[in-house]
PDB file of N, CA and C in Angstrom:
ATOM      1  N   MET A   1      10.466  -9.932 -69.856  1.00  0.00           N
ATOM      2  CA  MET A   1      11.319  -9.139 -70.721  1.00  0.00           C
ATOM      3  C   MET A   1      12.689  -8.948 -70.056  1.00  0.00           C
ATOM      4  N   PRO A   2      13.748  -9.151 -70.791  1.00  0.00           N
ATOM      5  CA  PRO A   2      15.088  -8.975 -70.209  1.00  0.00           C
ATOM      6  C   PRO A   2      15.545  -7.523 -70.205  1.00  0.00           C
ATOM      7  N   PHE A   3      14.691  -6.593 -70.633  1.00  0.00           N
ATOM      8  CA  PHE A   3      15.082  -5.192 -70.681  1.00  0.00           C
ATOM      9  C   PHE A   3      13.882  -4.327 -70.338  1.00  0.00           C
ATOM     10  N   ILE A   4      14.139  -3.075 -70.005  1.00  0.00           N
ATOM     11  CA  ILE A   4      13.071  -2.151 -69.649  1.00  0.00           C
ATOM     12  C   ILE A   4      13.020  -1.048 -70.693  1.00  0.00           C
ATOM     13  N   LEU A   5      11.839  -0.799 -71.243  1.00  0.00           N
ATOM     14  CA  LEU A   5      11.640   0.286 -72.194  1.00  0.00           C
ATOM     15  C   LEU A   5      10.605   1.233 -71.611  1.00  0.00           C
ATOM     16  N   ARG A   6      10.942   2.512 -71.577  1.00  0.00           N
ATOM     17  CA  ARG A   6       9.997   3.513 -71.098  1.00  0.00           C
ATOM     18  C   ARG A   6       9.692   4.472 -72.228  1.00  0.00           C
ATOM     19  N   GLY A   7       8.413   4.728 -72.456  1.00  0.00           N
ATOM     20  CA  GLY A   7       8.020   5.672 -73.488  1.00  0.00           C
ATOM     21  C   GLY A   7       8.266   5.157 -74.901  1.00  0.00           C
ATOM     22  N   VAL A   8       8.342   3.842 -75.054  1.00  0.00           N
ATOM     23  CA  VAL A   8       8.605   3.242 -76.362  1.00  0.00           C
ATOM     24  C   VAL A   8       7.493   2.261 -76.669  1.00  0.00           C
ATOM     25  N   ARG A   9       7.026   2.267 -77.906  1.00  0.00           N
ATOM     26  CA  ARG A   9       6.034   1.291 -78.345  1.00  0.00           C
ATOM     27  C   ARG A   9       6.699   0.293 -79.279  1.00  0.00           C
ATOM     28  N   LEU A  10       6.497  -0.945 -79.011  1.00  0.00           N
ATOM     29  CA  LEU A  10       6.977  -1.993 -79.899  1.00  0.00           C
ATOM     30  C   LEU A  10       5.794  -2.432 -80.751  1.00  0.00           C
ATOM     31  N   LEU A  11       5.832  -2.096 -82.018  1.00  0.00           N
ATOM     32  CA  LEU A  11       4.724  -2.387 -82.911  1.00  0.00           C
ATOM     33  C   LEU A  11       5.163  -3.407 -83.949  1.00  0.00           C
ATOM     34  N   GLY A  12       4.270  -4.278 -84.322  1.00  0.00           N
ATOM     35  CA  GLY A  12       4.605  -5.254 -85.350  1.00  0.00           C
ATOM     36  C   GLY A  12       3.550  -6.338 -85.412  1.00  0.00           C
ATOM     37  N   VAL A  13       3.872  -7.367 -86.141  1.00  0.00           N
ATOM     38  CA  VAL A  13       2.971  -8.496 -86.299  1.00  0.00           C
ATOM     39  C   VAL A  13       3.457  -9.611 -85.384  1.00  0.00           C
ATOM     40  N   ASP A  14       2.592 -10.091 -84.538  1.00  0.00           N
ATOM     41  CA  ASP A  14       2.916 -11.226 -83.682  1.00  0.00           C
ATOM     42  C   ASP A  14       2.753 -12.482 -84.526  1.00  0.00           C
ATOM     43  N   SER A  15       3.823 -12.919 -85.135  1.00  0.00           N
ATOM     44  CA  SER A  15       3.729 -14.025 -86.082  1.00  0.00           C
ATOM     45  C   SER A  15       3.569 -15.380 -85.409  1.00  0.00           C
ATOM     46  N   VAL A  16       3.662 -15.412 -84.092  1.00  0.00           N
ATOM     47  CA  VAL A  16       3.511 -16.687 -83.397  1.00  0.00           C
ATOM     48  C   VAL A  16       2.093 -16.861 -82.865  1.00  0.00           C
ATOM     49  N   MET A  17       1.573 -15.830 -82.202  1.00  0.00           N
ATOM     50  CA  MET A  17       0.295 -15.949 -81.523  1.00  0.00           C
ATOM     51  C   MET A  17      -0.891 -15.402 -82.323  1.00  0.00           C
ATOM     52  N   ALA A  18      -0.627 -14.650 -83.381  1.00  0.00           N
ATOM     53  CA  ALA A  18      -1.725 -14.071 -84.171  1.00  0.00           C
ATOM     54  C   ALA A  18      -2.458 -15.165 -84.927  1.00  0.00           C
ATOM     55  N   PRO A  19      -3.772 -14.998 -85.096  1.00  0.00           N
ATOM     56  CA  PRO A  19      -4.522 -15.961 -85.906  1.00  0.00           C
ATOM     57  C   PRO A  19      -4.006 -15.989 -87.343  1.00  0.00           C
ATOM     58  N   LYS A  20      -4.262 -17.082 -88.014  1.00  0.00           N
ATOM     59  CA  LYS A  20      -3.710 -17.300 -89.354  1.00  0.00           C
ATOM     60  C   LYS A  20      -4.146 -16.230 -90.361  1.00  0.00           C
ATOM     61  N   ALA A  21      -5.408 -15.832 -90.346  1.00  0.00           N
ATOM     62  CA  ALA A  21      -5.908 -14.863 -91.334  1.00  0.00           C
ATOM     63  C   ALA A  21      -5.152 -13.521 -91.288  1.00  0.00           C
ATOM     64  N   PRO A  22      -4.961 -12.904 -90.104  1.00  0.00           N
ATOM     65  CA  PRO A  22      -4.195 -11.646 -90.075  1.00  0.00           C
ATOM     66  C   PRO A  22      -2.725 -11.829 -90.481  1.00  0.00           C
ATOM     67  N   ARG A  23      -2.149 -12.984 -90.131  1.00  0.00           N
ATOM     68  CA  ARG A  23      -0.759 -13.236 -90.545  1.00  0.00           C
ATOM     69  C   ARG A  23      -0.651 -13.321 -92.053  1.00  0.00           C
ATOM     70  N   LEU A  24      -1.592 -14.049 -92.682  1.00  0.00           N
ATOM     71  CA  LEU A  24      -1.581 -14.153 -94.138  1.00  0.00           C
ATOM     72  C   LEU A  24      -1.785 -12.790 -94.789  1.00  0.00           C
ATOM     73  N   ALA A  25      -2.681 -11.998 -94.235  1.00  0.00           N
ATOM     74  CA  ALA A  25      -2.930 -10.660 -94.778  1.00  0.00           C
ATOM     75  C   ALA A  25      -1.668  -9.794 -94.679  1.00  0.00           C
ATOM     76  N   ALA A  26      -0.970  -9.881 -93.568  1.00  0.00           N
ATOM     77  CA  ALA A  26       0.262  -9.098 -93.393  1.00  0.00           C
ATOM     78  C   ALA A  26       1.327  -9.528 -94.387  1.00  0.00           C
ATOM     79  N   TRP A  27       1.514 -10.830 -94.572  1.00  0.00           N
ATOM     80  CA  TRP A  27       2.529 -11.311 -95.512  1.00  0.00           C
ATOM     81  C   TRP A  27       2.152 -10.977 -96.954  1.00  0.00           C
ATOM     82  N   GLU A  28       0.861 -11.033 -97.274  1.00  0.00           N
ATOM     83  CA  GLU A  28       0.419 -10.668 -98.625  1.00  0.00           C
ATOM     84  C   GLU A  28       0.657  -9.187 -98.887  1.00  0.00           C
ATOM     85  N   ARG A  29       0.402  -8.350 -97.874  1.00  0.00           N
ATOM     86  CA  ARG A  29       0.637  -6.908 -98.031  1.00  0.00           C
ATOM     87  C   ARG A  29       2.128  -6.642 -98.206  1.00  0.00           C
ATOM     88  N   LEU A  30       2.942  -7.313 -97.431  1.00  0.00           N
ATOM     89  CA  LEU A  30       4.388  -7.139 -97.560  1.00  0.00           C
ATOM     90  C   LEU A  30       4.861  -7.550 -98.947  1.00  0.00           C
ATOM     91  N   ALA A  31       4.364  -8.663 -99.447  1.00  0.00           N
ATOM     92  CA  ALA A  31       4.744  -9.132-100.780  1.00  0.00           C
ATOM     93  C   ALA A  31       4.297  -8.156-101.863  1.00  0.00           C
ATOM     94  N   ARG A  32       3.167  -7.511-101.646  1.00  0.00           N
ATOM     95  CA  ARG A  32       2.633  -6.568-102.633  1.00  0.00           C
ATOM     96  C   ARG A  32       3.356  -5.219-102.576  1.00  0.00           C
ATOM     97  N   ASP A  33       3.650  -4.733-101.380  1.00  0.00           N
ATOM     98  CA  ASP A  33       4.166  -3.370-101.209  1.00  0.00           C
ATOM     99  C   ASP A  33       5.684  -3.254-101.229  1.00  0.00           C
ATOM    100  N   LEU A  34       6.394  -4.326-100.934  1.00  0.00           N
ATOM    101  CA  LEU A  34       7.858  -4.258-100.854  1.00  0.00           C
ATOM    102  C   LEU A  34       8.483  -4.518-102.218  1.00  0.00           C
ATOM    103  N   ASP A  35       9.314  -3.605-102.641  1.00  0.00           N
ATOM    104  CA  ASP A  35      10.042  -3.762-103.900  1.00  0.00           C
ATOM    105  C   ASP A  35      11.210  -4.727-103.657  1.00  0.00           C
ATOM    106  N   PRO A  36      11.230  -5.897-104.287  1.00  0.00           N
ATOM    107  CA  PRO A  36      12.307  -6.865-104.051  1.00  0.00           C
ATOM    108  C   PRO A  36      13.703  -6.300-104.328  1.00  0.00           C
ATOM    109  N   ALA A  37      13.806  -5.316-105.201  1.00  0.00           N
ATOM    110  CA  ALA A  37      15.112  -4.718-105.491  1.00  0.00           C
ATOM    111  C   ALA A  37      15.689  -4.023-104.261  1.00  0.00           C
ATOM    112  N   LEU A  38      14.822  -3.575-103.354  1.00  0.00           N
ATOM    113  CA  LEU A  38      15.305  -2.910-102.146  1.00  0.00           C
ATOM    114  C   LEU A  38      16.035  -3.868-101.208  1.00  0.00           C
ATOM    115  N   LEU A  39      15.738  -5.152-101.310  1.00  0.00           N
ATOM    116  CA  LEU A  39      16.408  -6.125-100.453  1.00  0.00           C
ATOM    117  C   LEU A  39      17.907  -6.166-100.723  1.00  0.00           C
ATOM    118  N   ASP A  40      18.301  -5.928-101.977  1.00  0.00           N
ATOM    119  CA  ASP A  40      19.725  -5.899-102.303  1.00  0.00           C
ATOM    120  C   ASP A  40      20.435  -4.733-101.624  1.00  0.00           C
ATOM    121  N   VAL A  41      19.692  -3.667-101.353  1.00  0.00           N
ATOM    122  CA  VAL A  41      20.277  -2.487-100.719  1.00  0.00           C
ATOM    123  C   VAL A  41      20.472  -2.704 -99.224  1.00  0.00           C
ATOM    124  N   ILE A  42      19.560  -3.431 -98.587  1.00  0.00           N
ATOM    125  CA  ILE A  42      19.612  -3.565 -97.134  1.00  0.00           C
ATOM    126  C   ILE A  42      20.261  -4.861 -96.658  1.00  0.00           C
ATOM    127  N   ALA A  43      20.673  -5.724 -97.575  1.00  0.00           N
ATOM    128  CA  ALA A  43      21.220  -7.013 -97.175  1.00  0.00           C
ATOM    129  C   ALA A  43      22.542  -7.299 -97.876  1.00  0.00           C
ATOM    130  N   THR A  44      23.419  -7.967 -97.155  1.00  0.00           N
ATOM    131  CA  THR A  44      24.704  -8.412 -97.691  1.00  0.00           C
ATOM    132  C   THR A  44      24.796  -9.913 -97.477  1.00  0.00           C
ATOM    133  N   GLU A  45      25.115 -10.642 -98.523  1.00  0.00           N
ATOM    134  CA  GLU A  45      25.243 -12.092 -98.418  1.00  0.00           C
ATOM    135  C   GLU A  45      26.711 -12.449 -98.252  1.00  0.00           C
ATOM    136  N   ILE A  46      26.997 -13.302 -97.262  1.00  0.00           N
ATOM    137  CA  ILE A  46      28.375 -13.734 -97.005  1.00  0.00           C
ATOM    138  C   ILE A  46      28.410 -15.254 -96.901  1.00  0.00           C
ATOM    139  N   SER A  47      29.626 -15.794 -96.966  1.00  0.00           N
ATOM    140  CA  SER A  47      29.798 -17.236 -96.761  1.00  0.00           C
ATOM    141  C   SER A  47      30.004 -17.500 -95.272  1.00  0.00           C
ATOM    142  N   LEU A  48      29.885 -18.753 -94.883  1.00  0.00           N
ATOM    143  CA  LEU A  48      30.069 -19.124 -93.481  1.00  0.00           C
ATOM    144  C   LEU A  48      31.475 -18.789 -92.997  1.00  0.00           C
ATOM    145  N   SER A  49      32.458 -18.903 -93.875  1.00  0.00           N
ATOM    146  CA  SER A  49      33.832 -18.593 -93.474  1.00  0.00           C
ATOM    147  C   SER A  49      34.034 -17.109 -93.174  1.00  0.00           C
ATOM    148  N   GLU A  50      33.132 -16.256 -93.642  1.00  0.00           N
ATOM    149  CA  GLU A  50      33.219 -14.817 -93.377  1.00  0.00           C
ATOM    150  C   GLU A  50      32.437 -14.387 -92.141  1.00  0.00           C
ATOM    151  N   ALA A  51      31.759 -15.332 -91.488  1.00  0.00           N
ATOM    152  CA  ALA A  51      30.843 -15.004 -90.394  1.00  0.00           C
ATOM    153  C   ALA A  51      31.555 -14.399 -89.182  1.00  0.00           C
ATOM    154  N   VAL A  52      32.729 -14.893 -88.832  1.00  0.00           N
ATOM    155  CA  VAL A  52      33.433 -14.367 -87.656  1.00  0.00           C
ATOM    156  C   VAL A  52      33.826 -12.906 -87.878  1.00  0.00           C
ATOM    157  N   THR A  53      34.349 -12.598 -89.057  1.00  0.00           N
ATOM    158  CA  THR A  53      34.704 -11.218 -89.383  1.00  0.00           C
ATOM    159  C   THR A  53      33.467 -10.330 -89.385  1.00  0.00           C
ATOM    160  N   ALA A  54      32.386 -10.824 -89.963  1.00  0.00           N
ATOM    161  CA  ALA A  54      31.138 -10.060 -90.011  1.00  0.00           C
ATOM    162  C   ALA A  54      30.598  -9.820 -88.603  1.00  0.00           C
ATOM    163  N   ALA A  55      30.706 -10.814 -87.735  1.00  0.00           N
ATOM    164  CA  ALA A  55      30.240 -10.655 -86.355  1.00  0.00           C
ATOM    165  C   ALA A  55      31.048  -9.581 -85.632  1.00  0.00           C
ATOM    166  N   THR A  56      32.342  -9.551 -85.866  1.00  0.00           N
ATOM    167  CA  THR A  56      33.187  -8.515 -85.274  1.00  0.00           C
ATOM    168  C   THR A  56      32.782  -7.136 -85.776  1.00  0.00           C
ATOM    169  N   ASP A  57      32.569  -7.026 -87.079  1.00  0.00           N
ATOM    170  CA  ASP A  57      32.117  -5.756 -87.657  1.00  0.00           C
ATOM    171  C   ASP A  57      30.768  -5.345 -87.083  1.00  0.00           C
ATOM    172  N   LEU A  58      29.891  -6.307 -86.894  1.00  0.00           N
ATOM    173  CA  LEU A  58      28.577  -6.034 -86.324  1.00  0.00           C
ATOM    174  C   LEU A  58      28.705  -5.482 -84.908  1.00  0.00           C
ATOM    175  N   MET A  59      29.514  -6.118 -84.110  1.00  0.00           N
ATOM    176  CA  MET A  59      29.709  -5.678 -82.725  1.00  0.00           C
ATOM    177  C   MET A  59      30.401  -4.315 -82.649  1.00  0.00           C
ATOM    178  N   ASP A  60      31.205  -3.987 -83.654  1.00  0.00           N
ATOM    179  CA  ASP A  60      31.892  -2.691 -83.696  1.00  0.00           C
ATOM    180  C   ASP A  60      31.027  -1.589 -84.304  1.00  0.00           C
ATOM    181  N   GLY A  61      29.795  -1.924 -84.682  1.00  0.00           N
ATOM    182  CA  GLY A  61      28.886  -0.929 -85.244  1.00  0.00           C
ATOM    183  C   GLY A  61      29.196  -0.548 -86.680  1.00  0.00           C
ATOM    184  N   LYS A  62      29.888  -1.411 -87.408  1.00  0.00           N
ATOM    185  CA  LYS A  62      30.276  -1.114 -88.788  1.00  0.00           C
ATOM    186  C   LYS A  62      29.294  -1.664 -89.822  1.00  0.00           C
ATOM    187  N   VAL A  63      28.218  -2.296 -89.377  1.00  0.00           N
ATOM    188  CA  VAL A  63      27.287  -2.958 -90.295  1.00  0.00           C
ATOM    189  C   VAL A  63      25.974  -2.186 -90.347  1.00  0.00           C
ATOM    190  N   ARG A  64      25.498  -1.954 -91.553  1.00  0.00           N
ATOM    191  CA  ARG A  64      24.162  -1.391 -91.760  1.00  0.00           C
ATOM    192  C   ARG A  64      23.347  -2.424 -92.515  1.00  0.00           C
ATOM    193  N   GLY A  65      22.092  -2.607 -92.129  1.00  0.00           N
ATOM    194  CA  GLY A  65      21.249  -3.566 -92.816  1.00  0.00           C
ATOM    195  C   GLY A  65      21.379  -4.958 -92.221  1.00  0.00           C
ATOM    196  N   ARG A  66      21.173  -5.935 -93.058  1.00  0.00           N
ATOM    197  CA  ARG A  66      21.165  -7.330 -92.625  1.00  0.00           C
ATOM    198  C   ARG A  66      22.299  -8.112 -93.269  1.00  0.00           C
ATOM    199  N   ILE A  67      22.742  -9.137 -92.571  1.00  0.00           N
ATOM    200  CA  ILE A  67      23.755 -10.041 -93.116  1.00  0.00           C
ATOM    201  C   ILE A  67      23.109 -11.415 -93.271  1.00  0.00           C
ATOM    202  N   ILE A  68      23.200 -11.949 -94.485  1.00  0.00           N
ATOM    203  CA  ILE A  68      22.664 -13.283 -94.765  1.00  0.00           C
ATOM    204  C   ILE A  68      23.853 -14.222 -94.936  1.00  0.00           C
ATOM    205  N   VAL A  69      23.883 -15.278 -94.141  1.00  0.00           N
ATOM    206  CA  VAL A  69      24.976 -16.239 -94.216  1.00  0.00           C
ATOM    207  C   VAL A  69      24.515 -17.422 -95.064  1.00  0.00           C
ATOM    208  N   ASP A  70      25.162 -17.578 -96.225  1.00  0.00           N
ATOM    209  CA  ASP A  70      24.874 -18.698 -97.120  1.00  0.00           C
ATOM    210  C   ASP A  70      25.817 -19.837 -96.736  1.00  0.00           C
ATOM    211  N   VAL A  71      25.290 -20.821 -96.038  1.00  0.00           N
ATOM    212  CA  VAL A  71      26.125 -21.926 -95.553  1.00  0.00           C
ATOM    213  C   VAL A  71      26.562 -22.865 -96.676  1.00  0.00           C
ATOM    214  N   ASN A  72      25.981 -22.710 -97.858  1.00  0.00           N
ATOM    215  CA  ASN A  72      26.348 -23.557 -98.996  1.00  0.00           C
ATOM    216  C   ASN A  72      27.405 -22.910 -99.874  1.00  0.00           C
ATOM    217  N   ARG A  73      27.824 -21.732 -99.555  1.00  0.00           N
ATOM    218  CA  ARG A  73      28.804 -21.019-100.366  1.00  0.00           C
ATOM    219  C   ARG A  73      30.189 -21.189 -99.841  1.00  0.00           C
TER     220      ARG A  73
END
């Protein structure tokens, strides 16, 4: 690990080493429980030409949620 965490638990699905059945169950639960409309609230889609500006905003702490770079736009 390149960092030290004390008193912190990292919880999640190990999508690389977990057996296939638990991974499928986790993805099925996510597909069932997550409202797709919420993705529009937490994500912003940008073009590749906007990536440098977005990266600067990200480093300055001005970004909330996720940035999706559409390389075809």
